[in-house]
Amino acid sequence: MKISSRGEYALRALIVLGQHRGSVMKIEEISKKTLVTVNYLEKILLQLKKQKLVTSKRGISGGYLLLKEPSEIIIGEVVRNIEGPLSPMGCASITKYEPCELEEGCLLKPLWSLVRDTIAFVLEQTTLEDLLENRVRLLKGEDFVVFKK
C-alpha cells in the first residue's frame, strides 16, 4: 500500500479544518496551511464532500468546514475512499483480490495479509480527533499503547 499525494493532502485538509472546527475556511487559507495548490485542493475537497466529511458554503463569506465531529471521522475510511484497498499486494486484498502466479504454496501471502491487517487495524482505530490531539494508538497484547510526540 502506498499513500499518494491525494491521500496525504486529504488528511492534511481534514486536520486543518479540524483545527478550525465550526469555522468556515476559504480554500485559499486551507491551501496555504496544507501547502497544496488551490486547483488540486478543490478536487480533493470535492471527494471529501462526496464522503460527507466536509461541506461548503457559497458566497463572499463561503468556504469549507467539517460536517462531522473529528471523533466520528475514521482515518481508515478516508484512506480507503481516497486510495482504494489497503493491501500491499493484490493477492492479499479482501476487496480487490488479484490472484498471483504462485497462489498455491506461496509463502509470502501470509506476510502480505498480516501487513494488510495491521495497517487496516491501525487506520480503523485512528480518528481525526486522535490526529488533532497527536495520539496514535497501537494494540499490544490486550491493551492500547498511546504514542504522543
C-alpha atoms as a PDB file:
ATOM      1  CA  MET A   1       0.000   0.000   0.000  1.00  0.00           C
ATOM      2  CA  LYS A   2       1.261   3.414  -0.903  1.00  0.00           C
ATOM      3  CA  ILE A   3      -0.437   6.625   0.113  1.00  0.00           C
ATOM      4  CA  SER A   4      -0.499   9.010  -2.836  1.00  0.00           C
ATOM      5  CA  SER A   5      -0.263  12.774  -2.573  1.00  0.00           C
ATOM      6  CA  ARG A   6      -4.072  12.863  -2.887  1.00  0.00           C
ATOM      7  CA  GLY A   7      -4.455  10.752   0.267  1.00  0.00           C
ATOM      8  CA  GLU A   8      -1.836  12.736   2.176  1.00  0.00           C
ATOM      9  CA  TYR A   9      -3.387  16.070   1.143  1.00  0.00           C
ATOM     10  CA  ALA A  10      -6.909  14.894   2.030  1.00  0.00           C
ATOM     11  CA  LEU A  11      -5.720  14.116   5.540  1.00  0.00           C
ATOM     12  CA  ARG A  12      -3.892  17.457   5.750  1.00  0.00           C
ATOM     13  CA  ALA A  13      -7.078  19.278   4.715  1.00  0.00           C
ATOM     14  CA  LEU A  14      -9.139  17.415   7.311  1.00  0.00           C
ATOM     15  CA  ILE A  15      -6.590  18.279  10.006  1.00  0.00           C
ATOM     16  CA  VAL A  16      -6.684  21.980   9.112  1.00  0.00           C
ATOM     17  CA  LEU A  17     -10.484  22.001   9.056  1.00  0.00           C
ATOM     18  CA  GLY A  18     -10.497  20.108  12.366  1.00  0.00           C
ATOM     19  CA  GLN A  19      -8.178  22.688  13.902  1.00  0.00           C
ATOM     20  CA  HIS A  20     -10.701  25.366  12.875  1.00  0.00           C
ATOM     21  CA  ARG A  21     -13.782  23.356  13.842  1.00  0.00           C
ATOM     22  CA  GLY A  22     -17.029  25.242  13.386  1.00  0.00           C
ATOM     23  CA  SER A  23     -15.380  27.918  11.239  1.00  0.00           C
ATOM     24  CA  VAL A  24     -15.826  28.303   7.509  1.00  0.00           C
ATOM     25  CA  MET A  25     -12.402  28.387   5.872  1.00  0.00           C
ATOM     26  CA  LYS A  26     -11.683  29.794   2.452  1.00  0.00           C
ATOM     27  CA  ILE A  27      -9.961  27.387   0.103  1.00  0.00           C
ATOM     28  CA  GLU A  28      -7.024  29.784  -0.228  1.00  0.00           C
ATOM     29  CA  GLU A  29      -6.484  29.629   3.525  1.00  0.00           C
ATOM     30  CA  ILE A  30      -6.639  25.825   3.532  1.00  0.00           C
ATOM     31  CA  SER A  31      -4.240  25.798   0.582  1.00  0.00           C
ATOM     32  CA  LYS A  32      -1.758  27.986   2.426  1.00  0.00           C
ATOM     33  CA  LYS A  33      -1.864  25.832   5.572  1.00  0.00           C
ATOM     34  CA  THR A  34      -1.649  22.485   3.725  1.00  0.00           C
ATOM     35  CA  LEU A  35       0.848  23.600   1.049  1.00  0.00           C
ATOM     36  CA  VAL A  36      -1.498  22.222  -1.638  1.00  0.00           C
ATOM     37  CA  THR A  37      -2.431  24.227  -4.717  1.00  0.00           C
ATOM     38  CA  VAL A  38      -5.990  25.563  -4.825  1.00  0.00           C
ATOM     39  CA  ASN A  39      -6.755  23.624  -8.036  1.00  0.00           C
ATOM     40  CA  TYR A  40      -5.638  20.278  -6.606  1.00  0.00           C
ATOM     41  CA  LEU A  41      -7.274  21.024  -3.249  1.00  0.00           C
ATOM     42  CA  GLU A  42     -10.625  21.707  -4.962  1.00  0.00           C
ATOM     43  CA  LYS A  43     -10.603  18.159  -6.373  1.00  0.00           C
ATOM     44  CA  ILE A  44      -9.684  16.668  -3.008  1.00  0.00           C
ATOM     45  CA  LEU A  45     -12.310  18.662  -1.117  1.00  0.00           C
ATOM     46  CA  LEU A  46     -14.908  17.529  -3.664  1.00  0.00           C
ATOM     47  CA  GLN A  47     -14.030  13.903  -2.823  1.00  0.00           C
ATOM     48  CA  LEU A  48     -14.280  14.668   0.894  1.00  0.00           C
ATOM     49  CA  LYS A  49     -17.622  16.347   0.263  1.00  0.00           C
ATOM     50  CA  LYS A  50     -18.880  13.213  -1.542  1.00  0.00           C
ATOM     51  CA  GLN A  51     -17.818  11.220   1.542  1.00  0.00           C
ATOM     52  CA  LYS A  52     -19.960  13.643   3.598  1.00  0.00           C
ATOM     53  CA  LEU A  53     -16.967  14.665   5.686  1.00  0.00           C
ATOM     54  CA  VAL A  54     -16.946  18.335   4.686  1.00  0.00           C
ATOM     55  CA  THR A  55     -19.466  20.765   3.373  1.00  0.00           C
ATOM     56  CA  SER A  56     -19.116  24.022   1.504  1.00  0.00           C
ATOM     57  CA  LYS A  57     -20.799  27.392   1.798  1.00  0.00           C
ATOM     58  CA  ARG A  58     -21.162  29.699  -1.159  1.00  0.00           C
ATOM     59  CA  GLY A  59     -20.812  33.439  -1.231  1.00  0.00           C
ATOM     60  CA  ILE A  60     -18.417  36.089  -0.059  1.00  0.00           C
ATOM     61  CA  SER A  61     -18.029  34.503   3.356  1.00  0.00           C
ATOM     62  CA  GLY A  62     -18.084  30.999   1.904  1.00  0.00           C
ATOM     63  CA  GLY A  63     -15.609  28.194   2.159  1.00  0.00           C
ATOM     64  CA  TYR A  64     -15.350  24.730   3.685  1.00  0.00           C
ATOM     65  CA  LEU A  65     -15.961  23.259   7.094  1.00  0.00           C
ATOM     66  CA  LEU A  66     -16.113  19.832   8.697  1.00  0.00           C
ATOM     67  CA  LEU A  67     -19.513  18.181   8.503  1.00  0.00           C
ATOM     68  CA  LYS A  68     -18.775  15.564  11.173  1.00  0.00           C
ATOM     69  CA  GLU A  69     -17.142  15.690  14.562  1.00  0.00           C
ATOM     70  CA  PRO A  70     -13.420  14.751  14.437  1.00  0.00           C
ATOM     71  CA  SER A  71     -14.153  11.774  16.717  1.00  0.00           C
ATOM     72  CA  GLU A  72     -16.530  10.412  14.038  1.00  0.00           C
ATOM     73  CA  ILE A  73     -14.028  10.615  11.157  1.00  0.00           C
ATOM     74  CA  ILE A  74     -12.164   7.320  10.914  1.00  0.00           C
ATOM     75  CA  ILE A  75      -8.875   7.642   9.052  1.00  0.00           C
ATOM     76  CA  GLY A  76      -9.169   4.123   7.584  1.00  0.00           C
ATOM     77  CA  GLU A  77     -12.428   5.043   5.849  1.00  0.00           C
ATOM     78  CA  VAL A  78     -10.946   8.252   4.472  1.00  0.00           C
ATOM     79  CA  VAL A  79      -7.845   6.482   3.143  1.00  0.00           C
ATOM     80  CA  ARG A  80      -9.845   3.621   1.590  1.00  0.00           C
ATOM     81  CA  ASN A  81     -12.217   6.049  -0.129  1.00  0.00           C
ATOM     82  CA  ILE A  82      -9.372   8.151  -1.493  1.00  0.00           C
ATOM     83  CA  GLU A  83      -6.747   5.460  -2.173  1.00  0.00           C
ATOM     84  CA  GLY A  84      -8.600   2.177  -2.547  1.00  0.00           C
ATOM     85  CA  PRO A  85      -7.577  -1.118  -0.893  1.00  0.00           C
ATOM     86  CA  LEU A  86      -5.075  -1.091   1.959  1.00  0.00           C
ATOM     87  CA  SER A  87      -3.371  -4.326   0.929  1.00  0.00           C
ATOM     88  CA  PRO A  88       0.251  -4.083  -0.236  1.00  0.00           C
ATOM     89  CA  MET A  89      -0.370  -6.851  -2.816  1.00  0.00           C
ATOM     90  CA  GLY A  90      -3.434  -7.824  -4.832  1.00  0.00           C
ATOM     91  CA  CYS A  91      -3.239 -11.434  -3.686  1.00  0.00           C
ATOM     92  CA  ALA A  92      -3.778 -10.324  -0.071  1.00  0.00           C
ATOM     93  CA  SER A  93      -6.557  -7.840  -0.806  1.00  0.00           C
ATOM     94  CA  ILE A  94     -10.006  -8.533   0.562  1.00  0.00           C
ATOM     95  CA  THR A  95     -11.879  -6.019  -1.597  1.00  0.00           C
ATOM     96  CA  LYS A  96      -9.768  -6.103  -4.788  1.00  0.00           C
ATOM     97  CA  TYR A  97      -8.318  -9.601  -4.773  1.00  0.00           C
ATOM     98  CA  GLU A  98      -5.998 -10.433  -7.678  1.00  0.00           C
ATOM     99  CA  PRO A  99      -4.583 -13.958  -7.917  1.00  0.00           C
ATOM    100  CA  CYS A 100      -0.844 -14.259  -8.311  1.00  0.00           C
ATOM    101  CA  GLU A 101       1.134 -16.808 -10.311  1.00  0.00           C
ATOM    102  CA  LEU A 102       2.310 -18.635  -7.188  1.00  0.00           C
ATOM    103  CA  GLU A 103      -1.085 -18.811  -5.479  1.00  0.00           C
ATOM    104  CA  GLU A 104      -0.617 -22.454  -4.472  1.00  0.00           C
ATOM    105  CA  GLY A 105       2.050 -22.710  -1.799  1.00  0.00           C
ATOM    106  CA  CYS A 106       3.004 -19.019  -1.830  1.00  0.00           C
ATOM    107  CA  LEU A 107       4.932 -18.321   1.337  1.00  0.00           C
ATOM    108  CA  LEU A 108       4.640 -14.524   1.002  1.00  0.00           C
ATOM    109  CA  LYS A 109       0.845 -14.249   1.077  1.00  0.00           C
ATOM    110  CA  PRO A 110       0.637 -14.697   4.885  1.00  0.00           C
ATOM    111  CA  LEU A 111       3.130 -11.847   5.296  1.00  0.00           C
ATOM    112  CA  TRP A 112       1.212  -9.520   2.965  1.00  0.00           C
ATOM    113  CA  SER A 113      -2.029 -10.445   4.734  1.00  0.00           C
ATOM    114  CA  LEU A 114      -0.503  -9.598   8.114  1.00  0.00           C
ATOM    115  CA  VAL A 115       0.753  -6.258   6.763  1.00  0.00           C
ATOM    116  CA  ARG A 116      -2.726  -5.528   5.354  1.00  0.00           C
ATOM    117  CA  ASP A 117      -4.429  -6.449   8.626  1.00  0.00           C
ATOM    118  CA  THR A 118      -2.003  -4.383  10.711  1.00  0.00           C
ATOM    119  CA  ILE A 119      -2.368  -1.301   8.505  1.00  0.00           C
ATOM    120  CA  ALA A 120      -6.147  -1.664   8.453  1.00  0.00           C
ATOM    121  CA  PHE A 121      -6.299  -2.139  12.214  1.00  0.00           C
ATOM    122  CA  VAL A 122      -4.248   0.975  12.976  1.00  0.00           C
ATOM    123  CA  LEU A 123      -6.095   3.153  10.463  1.00  0.00           C
ATOM    124  CA  GLU A 124      -9.509   1.890  11.615  1.00  0.00           C
ATOM    125  CA  GLN A 125      -8.613   2.657  15.249  1.00  0.00           C
ATOM    126  CA  THR A 126      -7.443   6.190  14.436  1.00  0.00           C
ATOM    127  CA  THR A 127      -9.818   9.126  14.198  1.00  0.00           C
ATOM    128  CA  LEU A 128      -9.279  12.695  13.109  1.00  0.00           C
ATOM    129  CA  GLU A 129      -9.577  13.622  16.783  1.00  0.00           C
ATOM    130  CA  ASP A 130      -6.625  11.324  17.549  1.00  0.00           C
ATOM    131  CA  LEU A 131      -4.540  13.150  14.945  1.00  0.00           C
ATOM    132  CA  LEU A 132      -5.615  16.558  16.235  1.00  0.00           C
ATOM    133  CA  GLU A 133      -4.598  15.535  19.752  1.00  0.00           C
ATOM    134  CA  ASN A 134      -1.369  13.960  18.494  1.00  0.00           C
ATOM    135  CA  ARG A 135      -2.374  10.448  19.616  1.00  0.00           C
ATOM    136  CA  VAL A 136      -1.566   7.317  17.687  1.00  0.00           C
ATOM    137  CA  ARG A 137      -2.638   4.004  19.181  1.00  0.00           C
ATOM    138  CA  LEU A 138      -1.172   0.569  18.731  1.00  0.00           C
ATOM    139  CA  LEU A 139      -2.568  -2.613  20.174  1.00  0.00           C
ATOM    140  CA  LYS A 140      -0.058  -4.534  22.259  1.00  0.00           C
ATOM    141  CA  GLY A 141      -1.445  -7.734  23.686  1.00  0.00           C
ATOM    142  CA  GLU A 142      -4.826  -6.762  25.096  1.00  0.00           C
ATOM    143  CA  ASP A 143      -4.041  -3.096  25.758  1.00  0.00           C
ATOM    144  CA  PHE A 144      -3.709   0.003  23.640  1.00  0.00           C
ATOM    145  CA  VAL A 145      -0.421   1.839  23.831  1.00  0.00           C
ATOM    146  CA  VAL A 146      -0.819   5.547  23.118  1.00  0.00           C
ATOM    147  CA  PHE A 147       2.086   7.267  21.418  1.00  0.00           C
ATOM    148  CA  LYS A 148       2.359  11.027  21.840  1.00  0.00           C
ATOM    149  CA  LYS A 149       5.010  13.135  20.264  1.00  0.00           C
END
